[in-house]
N, C-alpha and C. Protein backbone atom coordinates (compact mmCIF):
# COMPACT_ATOMS: atom_id res chain seq x y z
N MET A 1 -0.38 25.83 -77.63
CA MET A 1 -0.44 26.32 -76.25
C MET A 1 -1.35 25.47 -75.41
N ARG A 2 -2.47 25.01 -76.07
CA ARG A 2 -3.37 24.16 -75.32
C ARG A 2 -2.65 22.88 -74.92
N GLY A 3 -1.82 22.39 -75.89
CA GLY A 3 -1.12 21.15 -75.57
C GLY A 3 -0.16 21.33 -74.42
N VAL A 4 0.53 22.47 -74.42
CA VAL A 4 1.45 22.73 -73.31
C VAL A 4 0.71 22.86 -72.01
N ALA A 5 -0.41 23.59 -72.05
CA ALA A 5 -1.22 23.76 -70.83
C ALA A 5 -1.72 22.43 -70.33
N GLU A 6 -2.15 21.59 -71.32
CA GLU A 6 -2.65 20.28 -70.90
C GLU A 6 -1.54 19.46 -70.29
N GLN A 7 -0.31 19.54 -70.89
CA GLN A 7 0.80 18.79 -70.32
C GLN A 7 1.14 19.29 -68.93
N ARG A 8 1.11 20.64 -68.74
CA ARG A 8 1.39 21.19 -67.41
C ARG A 8 0.36 20.75 -66.39
N ASN A 9 -0.90 20.79 -66.85
CA ASN A 9 -1.95 20.35 -65.94
C ASN A 9 -1.79 18.88 -65.57
N GLN A 10 -1.42 18.08 -66.62
CA GLN A 10 -1.22 16.67 -66.34
C GLN A 10 -0.05 16.48 -65.38
N GLY A 11 0.99 17.27 -65.60
CA GLY A 11 2.13 17.16 -64.69
C GLY A 11 1.76 17.53 -63.28
N SER A 12 0.92 18.57 -63.11
CA SER A 12 0.50 18.95 -61.76
C SER A 12 -0.31 17.86 -61.11
N ASP A 13 -1.21 17.25 -61.95
CA ASP A 13 -2.01 16.16 -61.39
C ASP A 13 -1.14 15.00 -60.99
N ASP A 14 -0.10 14.70 -61.81
CA ASP A 14 0.80 13.61 -61.49
C ASP A 14 1.56 13.90 -60.20
N ASP A 15 1.95 15.18 -60.03
CA ASP A 15 2.68 15.55 -58.81
C ASP A 15 1.81 15.35 -57.59
N ARG A 16 0.53 15.76 -57.73
CA ARG A 16 -0.36 15.63 -56.57
C ARG A 16 -0.63 14.17 -56.25
N SER A 17 -0.87 13.36 -57.30
CA SER A 17 -1.19 11.96 -57.04
C SER A 17 0.04 11.19 -56.63
N GLY A 18 1.20 11.56 -57.23
CA GLY A 18 2.41 10.83 -56.89
C GLY A 18 3.00 11.26 -55.58
N GLY A 19 2.66 12.49 -55.13
CA GLY A 19 3.26 12.98 -53.89
C GLY A 19 2.56 12.48 -52.65
N SER A 20 1.29 12.17 -52.71
CA SER A 20 0.55 11.81 -51.53
C SER A 20 1.04 10.56 -50.84
N PRO A 21 1.47 9.48 -51.53
CA PRO A 21 1.98 8.32 -50.81
C PRO A 21 3.21 8.65 -49.99
N GLY A 22 4.04 9.59 -50.50
CA GLY A 22 5.23 9.94 -49.74
C GLY A 22 4.93 10.75 -48.50
N VAL A 23 3.81 11.47 -48.48
CA VAL A 23 3.46 12.29 -47.31
C VAL A 23 3.03 11.41 -46.15
N ALA A 24 2.28 10.37 -46.43
CA ALA A 24 1.73 9.51 -45.37
C ALA A 24 2.82 8.88 -44.52
N PRO A 25 3.87 8.26 -45.13
CA PRO A 25 4.92 7.68 -44.30
C PRO A 25 5.59 8.69 -43.41
N ARG A 26 5.82 9.91 -43.95
CA ARG A 26 6.45 10.91 -43.10
C ARG A 26 5.57 11.25 -41.92
N SER A 27 4.23 11.33 -42.12
CA SER A 27 3.31 11.63 -41.02
C SER A 27 3.32 10.50 -40.00
N VAL A 28 3.35 9.27 -40.47
CA VAL A 28 3.38 8.11 -39.56
C VAL A 28 4.65 8.12 -38.74
N ARG A 29 5.77 8.38 -39.40
CA ARG A 29 7.04 8.43 -38.65
C ARG A 29 7.01 9.52 -37.59
N ALA A 30 6.45 10.67 -37.96
CA ALA A 30 6.36 11.77 -36.99
C ALA A 30 5.50 11.38 -35.80
N MET A 31 4.40 10.68 -36.07
CA MET A 31 3.52 10.25 -34.97
C MET A 31 4.22 9.23 -34.08
N VAL A 32 4.97 8.30 -34.71
CA VAL A 32 5.69 7.29 -33.92
C VAL A 32 6.70 7.94 -32.99
N PHE A 33 7.49 8.88 -33.54
CA PHE A 33 8.49 9.55 -32.71
C PHE A 33 7.84 10.39 -31.62
N ALA A 34 6.67 10.97 -31.92
CA ALA A 34 5.97 11.78 -30.92
C ALA A 34 5.44 10.92 -29.78
N MET A 35 5.03 9.68 -30.10
CA MET A 35 4.45 8.80 -29.08
C MET A 35 5.49 7.99 -28.33
N LEU A 36 6.74 7.95 -28.84
CA LEU A 36 7.77 7.12 -28.23
C LEU A 36 8.01 7.43 -26.76
N PRO A 37 8.12 8.71 -26.35
CA PRO A 37 8.31 8.98 -24.91
C PRO A 37 7.18 8.45 -24.05
N LEU A 38 5.94 8.56 -24.54
CA LEU A 38 4.79 8.06 -23.78
C LEU A 38 4.86 6.55 -23.63
N VAL A 39 5.26 5.86 -24.71
CA VAL A 39 5.39 4.40 -24.64
C VAL A 39 6.44 4.00 -23.61
N LEU A 40 7.56 4.72 -23.59
CA LEU A 40 8.61 4.40 -22.62
C LEU A 40 8.14 4.60 -21.19
N VAL A 41 7.37 5.67 -20.96
CA VAL A 41 6.83 5.92 -19.62
C VAL A 41 5.90 4.79 -19.19
N VAL A 42 5.01 4.37 -20.12
CA VAL A 42 4.08 3.29 -19.80
C VAL A 42 4.82 2.00 -19.48
N LEU A 43 5.85 1.69 -20.28
CA LEU A 43 6.63 0.48 -20.03
C LEU A 43 7.34 0.56 -18.69
N GLY A 44 7.83 1.75 -18.34
CA GLY A 44 8.49 1.91 -17.05
C GLY A 44 7.55 1.68 -15.89
N ILE A 45 6.32 2.23 -15.98
CA ILE A 45 5.33 2.03 -14.92
C ILE A 45 4.95 0.57 -14.83
N ALA A 46 4.79 -0.08 -15.97
CA ALA A 46 4.44 -1.50 -15.97
C ALA A 46 5.52 -2.33 -15.30
N GLY A 47 6.79 -1.94 -15.53
CA GLY A 47 7.87 -2.67 -14.91
C GLY A 47 7.88 -2.52 -13.41
N LEU A 48 7.59 -1.31 -12.92
CA LEU A 48 7.57 -1.09 -11.48
C LEU A 48 6.44 -1.84 -10.82
N THR A 49 5.25 -1.76 -11.39
CA THR A 49 4.10 -2.43 -10.79
C THR A 49 4.24 -3.93 -10.88
N GLY A 50 5.02 -4.42 -11.82
CA GLY A 50 5.21 -5.87 -11.90
C GLY A 50 6.13 -6.39 -10.83
N ARG A 51 6.98 -5.51 -10.27
CA ARG A 51 7.92 -5.95 -9.25
C ARG A 51 7.31 -5.96 -7.87
N CYS A 52 6.37 -5.08 -7.59
CA CYS A 52 5.83 -4.99 -6.24
C CYS A 52 4.42 -4.45 -6.28
N SER A 53 3.57 -5.02 -5.47
CA SER A 53 2.20 -4.55 -5.41
C SER A 53 2.17 -3.13 -4.87
N VAL A 54 1.30 -2.31 -5.43
CA VAL A 54 1.19 -0.93 -4.96
C VAL A 54 0.64 -0.89 -3.55
N ASN A 55 -0.26 -1.76 -3.24
CA ASN A 55 -0.93 -1.75 -1.95
C ASN A 55 -0.19 -2.63 -0.97
N PRO A 56 0.27 -2.14 0.19
CA PRO A 56 0.98 -2.96 1.15
C PRO A 56 0.15 -4.08 1.73
N LEU A 57 -1.16 -3.94 1.64
CA LEU A 57 -2.01 -5.00 2.15
C LEU A 57 -2.45 -5.95 1.06
N GLY A 58 -1.91 -5.78 -0.14
CA GLY A 58 -2.32 -6.64 -1.24
C GLY A 58 -1.82 -8.05 -1.08
N SER A 59 -2.26 -8.93 -2.00
CA SER A 59 -1.92 -10.34 -1.88
C SER A 59 -0.55 -10.66 -2.43
N SER A 60 0.05 -9.79 -3.25
CA SER A 60 1.35 -10.08 -3.84
C SER A 60 2.35 -9.02 -3.44
N LEU A 61 3.45 -9.46 -2.83
CA LEU A 61 4.50 -8.55 -2.41
C LEU A 61 5.85 -9.17 -2.75
N ASP A 62 6.71 -8.40 -3.38
CA ASP A 62 8.06 -8.84 -3.66
C ASP A 62 8.92 -8.43 -2.48
N THR A 63 9.26 -9.39 -1.62
CA THR A 63 10.02 -9.05 -0.41
C THR A 63 11.40 -8.52 -0.74
N GLY A 64 11.90 -8.81 -1.93
CA GLY A 64 13.21 -8.32 -2.30
C GLY A 64 13.23 -6.83 -2.55
N THR A 65 12.10 -6.24 -2.93
CA THR A 65 12.05 -4.81 -3.22
C THR A 65 11.25 -4.03 -2.18
N ALA A 66 10.53 -4.71 -1.29
CA ALA A 66 9.74 -4.03 -0.26
C ALA A 66 10.68 -3.33 0.73
N PRO A 67 10.31 -2.15 1.23
CA PRO A 67 11.18 -1.43 2.16
C PRO A 67 11.29 -2.12 3.52
N THR A 68 12.30 -1.75 4.26
CA THR A 68 12.52 -2.26 5.61
C THR A 68 12.67 -1.08 6.56
N VAL A 69 12.04 -1.17 7.74
CA VAL A 69 12.18 -0.12 8.75
C VAL A 69 12.75 -0.73 10.02
N ASN A 70 13.36 0.12 10.83
CA ASN A 70 13.89 -0.30 12.13
C ASN A 70 12.78 -0.16 13.15
N ALA A 71 12.14 -1.27 13.51
CA ALA A 71 10.99 -1.23 14.40
C ALA A 71 11.34 -0.62 15.76
N SER A 72 12.50 -0.96 16.29
CA SER A 72 12.90 -0.44 17.61
C SER A 72 12.97 1.08 17.60
N GLN A 73 13.62 1.63 16.59
CA GLN A 73 13.72 3.09 16.49
C GLN A 73 12.35 3.73 16.30
N GLU A 74 11.51 3.10 15.49
CA GLU A 74 10.19 3.66 15.24
C GLU A 74 9.34 3.68 16.50
N PHE A 75 9.39 2.61 17.30
CA PHE A 75 8.62 2.58 18.55
C PHE A 75 9.14 3.61 19.54
N GLU A 76 10.45 3.74 19.63
CA GLU A 76 11.03 4.71 20.55
C GLU A 76 10.66 6.13 20.14
N SER A 77 10.72 6.40 18.87
CA SER A 77 10.37 7.74 18.39
C SER A 77 8.89 8.03 18.62
N ALA A 78 8.04 7.05 18.38
CA ALA A 78 6.60 7.25 18.57
C ALA A 78 6.26 7.43 20.04
N ALA A 79 6.94 6.71 20.91
CA ALA A 79 6.64 6.78 22.34
C ALA A 79 6.87 8.18 22.90
N ALA A 80 7.79 8.91 22.30
CA ALA A 80 8.09 10.26 22.77
C ALA A 80 7.03 11.27 22.37
N GLY A 81 6.14 10.88 21.47
CA GLY A 81 5.17 11.85 20.97
C GLY A 81 3.72 11.54 21.28
N VAL A 82 3.46 10.46 22.04
CA VAL A 82 2.08 10.12 22.39
C VAL A 82 1.94 10.06 23.91
N ASP A 83 0.68 10.08 24.37
CA ASP A 83 0.44 10.14 25.81
C ASP A 83 -0.03 8.80 26.38
N PHE A 84 0.33 7.70 25.73
CA PHE A 84 0.00 6.37 26.26
C PHE A 84 1.23 5.48 26.14
N PRO A 85 1.33 4.44 26.96
CA PRO A 85 2.50 3.56 26.90
C PRO A 85 2.53 2.75 25.60
N VAL A 86 3.63 2.86 24.89
CA VAL A 86 3.79 2.16 23.62
C VAL A 86 4.49 0.82 23.87
N LEU A 87 3.92 -0.21 23.27
CA LEU A 87 4.49 -1.55 23.40
C LEU A 87 5.45 -1.83 22.25
N HIS A 88 6.47 -2.64 22.54
CA HIS A 88 7.41 -3.04 21.51
C HIS A 88 7.32 -4.55 21.31
N PRO A 89 6.39 -5.01 20.48
CA PRO A 89 6.24 -6.45 20.25
C PRO A 89 7.40 -7.03 19.45
N HIS A 90 7.66 -8.30 19.68
CA HIS A 90 8.70 -9.00 18.94
C HIS A 90 8.05 -10.20 18.25
N PRO A 91 7.66 -10.02 16.99
CA PRO A 91 7.02 -11.11 16.26
C PRO A 91 8.01 -12.23 15.97
N PRO A 92 7.55 -13.33 15.40
CA PRO A 92 8.43 -14.48 15.16
C PRO A 92 9.62 -14.13 14.27
N ASP A 93 10.68 -14.91 14.40
CA ASP A 93 11.83 -14.76 13.52
C ASP A 93 11.38 -14.98 12.08
N GLY A 94 11.93 -14.19 11.19
CA GLY A 94 11.54 -14.29 9.79
C GLY A 94 10.56 -13.21 9.37
N TRP A 95 9.91 -12.57 10.37
CA TRP A 95 9.04 -11.43 10.05
C TRP A 95 9.93 -10.19 9.91
N ARG A 96 9.57 -9.32 8.99
CA ARG A 96 10.37 -8.12 8.73
C ARG A 96 9.50 -6.88 8.75
N ALA A 97 9.83 -5.94 9.64
CA ALA A 97 9.08 -4.68 9.70
C ALA A 97 9.34 -3.88 8.43
N ASN A 98 8.26 -3.43 7.77
CA ASN A 98 8.47 -2.69 6.52
C ASN A 98 7.63 -1.43 6.41
N SER A 99 6.89 -1.06 7.48
CA SER A 99 6.16 0.21 7.45
C SER A 99 5.94 0.67 8.87
N ALA A 100 5.92 1.97 9.06
CA ALA A 100 5.68 2.54 10.39
C ALA A 100 5.22 3.98 10.25
N ASP A 101 4.23 4.36 11.07
CA ASP A 101 3.81 5.75 11.12
C ASP A 101 2.96 5.98 12.36
N THR A 102 2.70 7.24 12.64
CA THR A 102 1.80 7.63 13.72
C THR A 102 0.69 8.46 13.09
N GLU A 103 -0.55 8.00 13.22
CA GLU A 103 -1.68 8.64 12.54
C GLU A 103 -2.64 9.24 13.55
N GLN A 104 -3.13 10.42 13.25
CA GLN A 104 -4.11 11.09 14.10
C GLN A 104 -5.47 10.44 13.90
N ILE A 105 -6.07 9.99 15.00
CA ILE A 105 -7.38 9.34 14.94
C ILE A 105 -8.49 10.33 15.28
N THR A 106 -8.34 11.03 16.39
CA THR A 106 -9.24 12.12 16.78
C THR A 106 -8.38 13.33 17.11
N GLN A 107 -9.01 14.41 17.52
CA GLN A 107 -8.23 15.60 17.87
C GLN A 107 -7.31 15.33 19.06
N GLN A 108 -7.70 14.39 19.92
CA GLN A 108 -6.90 14.12 21.11
C GLN A 108 -6.08 12.83 21.01
N ASP A 109 -6.45 11.95 20.09
CA ASP A 109 -5.85 10.61 20.08
C ASP A 109 -5.16 10.31 18.75
N SER A 110 -4.08 9.55 18.86
CA SER A 110 -3.36 9.09 17.67
C SER A 110 -3.10 7.60 17.80
N ALA A 111 -2.64 7.00 16.72
CA ALA A 111 -2.35 5.57 16.70
C ALA A 111 -0.93 5.36 16.21
N VAL A 112 -0.19 4.52 16.92
CA VAL A 112 1.16 4.12 16.51
C VAL A 112 1.02 2.82 15.73
N ARG A 113 1.48 2.83 14.47
CA ARG A 113 1.25 1.69 13.59
C ARG A 113 2.57 1.19 13.01
N VAL A 114 2.77 -0.12 13.12
CA VAL A 114 3.93 -0.77 12.50
C VAL A 114 3.44 -2.03 11.80
N GLY A 115 3.90 -2.22 10.56
CA GLY A 115 3.49 -3.39 9.79
C GLY A 115 4.68 -4.28 9.50
N TRP A 116 4.41 -5.58 9.43
CA TRP A 116 5.44 -6.58 9.16
C TRP A 116 5.06 -7.42 7.96
N LEU A 117 6.07 -7.90 7.25
CA LEU A 117 5.90 -8.95 6.25
C LEU A 117 6.24 -10.27 6.92
N THR A 118 5.32 -11.22 6.85
CA THR A 118 5.55 -12.52 7.48
C THR A 118 6.44 -13.38 6.58
N GLU A 119 6.78 -14.56 7.08
CA GLU A 119 7.60 -15.48 6.29
C GLU A 119 6.89 -15.88 5.00
N ASP A 120 5.56 -15.89 5.03
CA ASP A 120 4.78 -16.25 3.85
C ASP A 120 4.41 -15.02 3.02
N THR A 121 5.11 -13.92 3.25
CA THR A 121 4.94 -12.65 2.52
C THR A 121 3.55 -12.05 2.69
N HIS A 122 2.87 -12.38 3.78
CA HIS A 122 1.63 -11.69 4.11
C HIS A 122 1.99 -10.41 4.87
N TYR A 123 1.02 -9.51 4.96
CA TYR A 123 1.23 -8.24 5.66
C TYR A 123 0.34 -8.21 6.90
N VAL A 124 0.96 -7.97 8.05
CA VAL A 124 0.23 -7.88 9.32
C VAL A 124 0.64 -6.59 10.01
N ARG A 125 -0.34 -5.76 10.38
CA ARG A 125 -0.05 -4.47 11.02
C ARG A 125 -0.67 -4.41 12.40
N LEU A 126 0.09 -3.87 13.33
CA LEU A 126 -0.41 -3.64 14.70
C LEU A 126 -0.53 -2.15 14.93
N SER A 127 -1.72 -1.73 15.37
CA SER A 127 -1.96 -0.32 15.73
C SER A 127 -2.21 -0.25 17.23
N GLN A 128 -1.57 0.71 17.88
CA GLN A 128 -1.76 0.94 19.31
C GLN A 128 -2.31 2.34 19.50
N SER A 129 -3.35 2.48 20.33
CA SER A 129 -3.96 3.79 20.48
C SER A 129 -4.78 3.86 21.77
N SER A 130 -4.96 5.09 22.24
CA SER A 130 -5.85 5.35 23.36
C SER A 130 -7.21 5.85 22.87
N ALA A 131 -7.41 5.86 21.56
CA ALA A 131 -8.67 6.34 20.99
C ALA A 131 -9.81 5.39 21.31
N PRO A 132 -11.05 5.88 21.34
CA PRO A 132 -12.20 4.99 21.52
C PRO A 132 -12.21 3.91 20.44
N GLU A 133 -12.71 2.76 20.80
CA GLU A 133 -12.66 1.62 19.88
C GLU A 133 -13.33 1.91 18.54
N ALA A 134 -14.50 2.55 18.56
CA ALA A 134 -15.23 2.80 17.32
C ALA A 134 -14.42 3.69 16.38
N GLU A 135 -13.80 4.75 16.93
CA GLU A 135 -13.01 5.66 16.10
C GLU A 135 -11.77 4.96 15.54
N LEU A 136 -11.13 4.14 16.36
CA LEU A 136 -9.94 3.43 15.90
C LEU A 136 -10.29 2.45 14.78
N VAL A 137 -11.38 1.71 14.97
CA VAL A 137 -11.78 0.73 13.97
C VAL A 137 -12.16 1.43 12.66
N SER A 138 -12.91 2.51 12.75
CA SER A 138 -13.31 3.24 11.54
C SER A 138 -12.10 3.74 10.77
N SER A 139 -11.10 4.24 11.49
CA SER A 139 -9.91 4.76 10.84
C SER A 139 -9.10 3.65 10.18
N GLU A 140 -8.96 2.52 10.87
CA GLU A 140 -8.11 1.46 10.36
C GLU A 140 -8.78 0.62 9.28
N THR A 141 -10.10 0.46 9.36
CA THR A 141 -10.80 -0.36 8.36
C THR A 141 -11.43 0.47 7.25
N GLU A 142 -11.40 1.80 7.39
CA GLU A 142 -11.94 2.72 6.38
C GLU A 142 -13.43 2.51 6.14
N GLN A 143 -14.15 2.15 7.19
CA GLN A 143 -15.59 1.96 7.09
C GLN A 143 -16.18 1.94 8.50
N PRO A 144 -17.50 2.13 8.62
CA PRO A 144 -18.13 2.08 9.95
C PRO A 144 -17.89 0.70 10.59
N PRO A 145 -17.72 0.65 11.90
CA PRO A 145 -17.45 -0.63 12.57
C PRO A 145 -18.57 -1.64 12.35
N ARG A 146 -18.20 -2.83 11.91
CA ARG A 146 -19.14 -3.94 11.75
C ARG A 146 -18.50 -5.18 12.37
N ALA A 147 -18.95 -5.52 13.56
CA ALA A 147 -18.36 -6.65 14.29
C ALA A 147 -18.91 -7.97 13.78
N ARG A 148 -18.02 -8.95 13.65
CA ARG A 148 -18.42 -10.30 13.24
C ARG A 148 -18.58 -11.24 14.42
N GLY A 149 -17.89 -10.93 15.50
CA GLY A 149 -17.90 -11.81 16.66
C GLY A 149 -16.64 -11.61 17.46
N THR A 150 -16.24 -12.61 18.20
CA THR A 150 -15.04 -12.52 19.02
C THR A 150 -14.17 -13.76 18.83
N VAL A 151 -12.92 -13.61 19.19
CA VAL A 151 -11.98 -14.72 19.17
C VAL A 151 -11.07 -14.58 20.37
N ARG A 152 -10.63 -15.69 20.92
CA ARG A 152 -9.73 -15.64 22.07
C ARG A 152 -8.32 -15.99 21.59
N ALA A 153 -7.38 -15.09 21.88
CA ALA A 153 -6.00 -15.28 21.47
C ALA A 153 -5.08 -14.68 22.52
N ALA A 154 -3.98 -15.37 22.80
CA ALA A 154 -3.00 -14.92 23.80
C ALA A 154 -3.65 -14.67 25.15
N GLY A 155 -4.69 -15.45 25.46
CA GLY A 155 -5.35 -15.32 26.75
C GLY A 155 -6.29 -14.14 26.86
N GLU A 156 -6.53 -13.43 25.77
CA GLU A 156 -7.39 -12.25 25.79
C GLU A 156 -8.52 -12.39 24.78
N GLN A 157 -9.60 -11.62 25.02
CA GLN A 157 -10.73 -11.60 24.10
C GLN A 157 -10.53 -10.49 23.08
N TRP A 158 -10.68 -10.83 21.82
CA TRP A 158 -10.52 -9.87 20.73
C TRP A 158 -11.83 -9.80 19.94
N VAL A 159 -12.26 -8.59 19.62
CA VAL A 159 -13.45 -8.41 18.78
C VAL A 159 -13.01 -8.40 17.32
N VAL A 160 -13.69 -9.17 16.48
CA VAL A 160 -13.35 -9.28 15.07
C VAL A 160 -14.26 -8.35 14.26
N TYR A 161 -13.65 -7.45 13.50
CA TYR A 161 -14.41 -6.50 12.67
C TYR A 161 -14.12 -6.76 11.20
N GLU A 162 -15.10 -6.42 10.36
CA GLU A 162 -14.87 -6.46 8.92
C GLU A 162 -13.93 -5.33 8.54
N SER A 163 -13.15 -5.58 7.48
CA SER A 163 -12.22 -4.57 7.00
C SER A 163 -12.26 -4.54 5.48
N VAL A 164 -11.33 -3.81 4.88
CA VAL A 164 -11.31 -3.67 3.43
C VAL A 164 -10.79 -4.95 2.78
N ARG A 165 -11.11 -5.12 1.49
CA ARG A 165 -10.62 -6.24 0.68
C ARG A 165 -10.88 -7.60 1.33
N SER A 166 -12.04 -7.74 1.95
CA SER A 166 -12.43 -9.01 2.58
C SER A 166 -11.50 -9.41 3.72
N GLU A 167 -10.77 -8.45 4.26
CA GLU A 167 -9.90 -8.72 5.41
C GLU A 167 -10.68 -8.49 6.70
N VAL A 168 -10.02 -8.72 7.82
CA VAL A 168 -10.62 -8.50 9.13
C VAL A 168 -9.66 -7.70 10.00
N ALA A 169 -10.19 -7.19 11.10
CA ALA A 169 -9.38 -6.50 12.09
C ALA A 169 -9.73 -7.07 13.46
N TRP A 170 -8.72 -7.39 14.25
CA TRP A 170 -8.93 -7.85 15.61
C TRP A 170 -8.62 -6.70 16.57
N VAL A 171 -9.50 -6.46 17.52
CA VAL A 171 -9.29 -5.39 18.49
C VAL A 171 -9.28 -5.96 19.90
N GLY A 172 -8.20 -5.71 20.62
CA GLY A 172 -8.07 -6.13 22.01
C GLY A 172 -7.59 -4.96 22.84
N GLU A 173 -7.18 -5.24 24.06
CA GLU A 173 -6.75 -4.17 24.96
C GLU A 173 -5.72 -4.71 25.94
N ARG A 174 -4.78 -3.85 26.27
CA ARG A 174 -3.81 -4.18 27.32
C ARG A 174 -3.48 -2.91 28.10
N SER A 175 -3.76 -2.95 29.37
CA SER A 175 -3.46 -1.84 30.29
C SER A 175 -4.02 -0.52 29.78
N GLY A 176 -5.25 -0.55 29.26
CA GLY A 176 -5.91 0.67 28.83
C GLY A 176 -5.54 1.13 27.42
N VAL A 177 -4.64 0.40 26.76
CA VAL A 177 -4.24 0.74 25.39
C VAL A 177 -4.92 -0.23 24.43
N ARG A 178 -5.59 0.31 23.43
CA ARG A 178 -6.27 -0.55 22.45
C ARG A 178 -5.27 -1.04 21.41
N LEU A 179 -5.41 -2.31 21.08
CA LEU A 179 -4.55 -2.95 20.10
C LEU A 179 -5.42 -3.41 18.94
N LEU A 180 -5.02 -3.07 17.75
CA LEU A 180 -5.77 -3.48 16.55
C LEU A 180 -4.82 -4.15 15.58
N ILE A 181 -5.16 -5.37 15.20
CA ILE A 181 -4.37 -6.15 14.25
C ILE A 181 -5.16 -6.24 12.95
N THR A 182 -4.52 -5.92 11.85
CA THR A 182 -5.19 -6.04 10.56
C THR A 182 -4.17 -6.44 9.50
N GLY A 183 -4.64 -6.64 8.28
CA GLY A 183 -3.77 -7.05 7.18
C GLY A 183 -4.35 -8.25 6.47
N ASN A 184 -3.56 -8.84 5.58
CA ASN A 184 -4.03 -10.00 4.85
C ASN A 184 -3.41 -11.30 5.35
N GLY A 185 -2.93 -11.27 6.60
CA GLY A 185 -2.35 -12.47 7.19
C GLY A 185 -3.39 -13.53 7.50
N THR A 186 -2.91 -14.72 7.78
CA THR A 186 -3.78 -15.82 8.16
C THR A 186 -4.19 -15.69 9.63
N GLU A 187 -5.15 -16.50 10.05
CA GLU A 187 -5.56 -16.46 11.46
C GLU A 187 -4.39 -16.82 12.36
N GLU A 188 -3.57 -17.79 11.94
CA GLU A 188 -2.42 -18.17 12.75
C GLU A 188 -1.44 -17.02 12.90
N GLU A 189 -1.24 -16.25 11.82
CA GLU A 189 -0.34 -15.11 11.89
C GLU A 189 -0.92 -14.01 12.76
N PHE A 190 -2.25 -13.83 12.73
CA PHE A 190 -2.89 -12.87 13.64
C PHE A 190 -2.67 -13.31 15.09
N ARG A 191 -2.76 -14.59 15.36
CA ARG A 191 -2.55 -15.10 16.71
C ARG A 191 -1.11 -14.88 17.17
N MET A 192 -0.18 -15.04 16.25
CA MET A 192 1.23 -14.78 16.58
C MET A 192 1.42 -13.31 16.94
N MET A 193 0.77 -12.42 16.18
CA MET A 193 0.89 -10.99 16.45
C MET A 193 0.22 -10.64 17.78
N ALA A 194 -0.92 -11.27 18.05
CA ALA A 194 -1.61 -11.03 19.31
C ALA A 194 -0.72 -11.44 20.49
N ARG A 195 -0.10 -12.59 20.40
CA ARG A 195 0.80 -13.04 21.47
C ARG A 195 1.97 -12.08 21.63
N ALA A 196 2.55 -11.64 20.52
CA ALA A 196 3.68 -10.71 20.60
C ALA A 196 3.27 -9.40 21.25
N ALA A 197 2.05 -8.92 20.97
CA ALA A 197 1.59 -7.65 21.55
C ALA A 197 1.29 -7.79 23.04
N ILE A 198 0.65 -8.87 23.42
CA ILE A 198 0.30 -9.07 24.83
C ILE A 198 1.56 -9.27 25.69
N ASP A 199 2.57 -9.91 25.13
CA ASP A 199 3.80 -10.16 25.88
C ASP A 199 4.85 -9.05 25.73
N ALA A 200 4.55 -8.02 24.95
CA ALA A 200 5.55 -7.01 24.62
C ALA A 200 5.94 -6.14 25.81
N PRO A 201 7.19 -5.75 25.90
CA PRO A 201 7.60 -4.79 26.93
C PRO A 201 7.18 -3.39 26.52
N VAL A 202 7.07 -2.50 27.51
CA VAL A 202 6.71 -1.12 27.25
C VAL A 202 7.97 -0.34 26.89
N VAL A 203 7.87 0.49 25.87
CA VAL A 203 9.01 1.31 25.45
C VAL A 203 9.22 2.43 26.46
N ARG A 204 10.44 2.61 26.88
CA ARG A 204 10.79 3.68 27.81
C ARG A 204 11.22 4.89 27.00
N SER A 205 10.36 5.88 26.91
CA SER A 205 10.69 7.08 26.14
C SER A 205 11.61 8.00 26.91
N GLY A 206 12.41 8.75 26.16
CA GLY A 206 13.31 9.72 26.78
C GLY A 206 14.51 9.06 27.41
């Protein structure tokens, strides 16, 4: 009986020692299948971010996937909802409007904003507002106004302010409406936008 008991005990020990290697692979397979959906999600996000920069003001933009807006319709729609004359600038050929909105700056004032992708895939945005200059600059640059100096463009004086991501903002005025140009464009592209804004016709609302 002792021999039988010893054999049974040995068999149990063999089962325990021989069974453990088989358990580990099954656990690994279960973990792999459990993590597979998460891996697919991560790969999908990586693919999207590789095609286009998340930030419209960033240095890399895939113009093939960036959205396009109808600037004329956006200006006309905005003009009907604000109490200042909205300008409809016409930037150089090859620029493409890809963002537009109207943002509340103060309780009484809002800003009409349209952004373009230039031929060199830079982003340049023009904001028009009747808001005080300090409030407009703070809203658009996301920081207290810090002026660097002035620049003359399109026959007008523009104040240059620091902005986010080492960018700048130019602030000018036309007929009582403040104009703010920002983005990651070059100085030449800012000058082109300034000229387009100063020469722009007023949108006739209604």
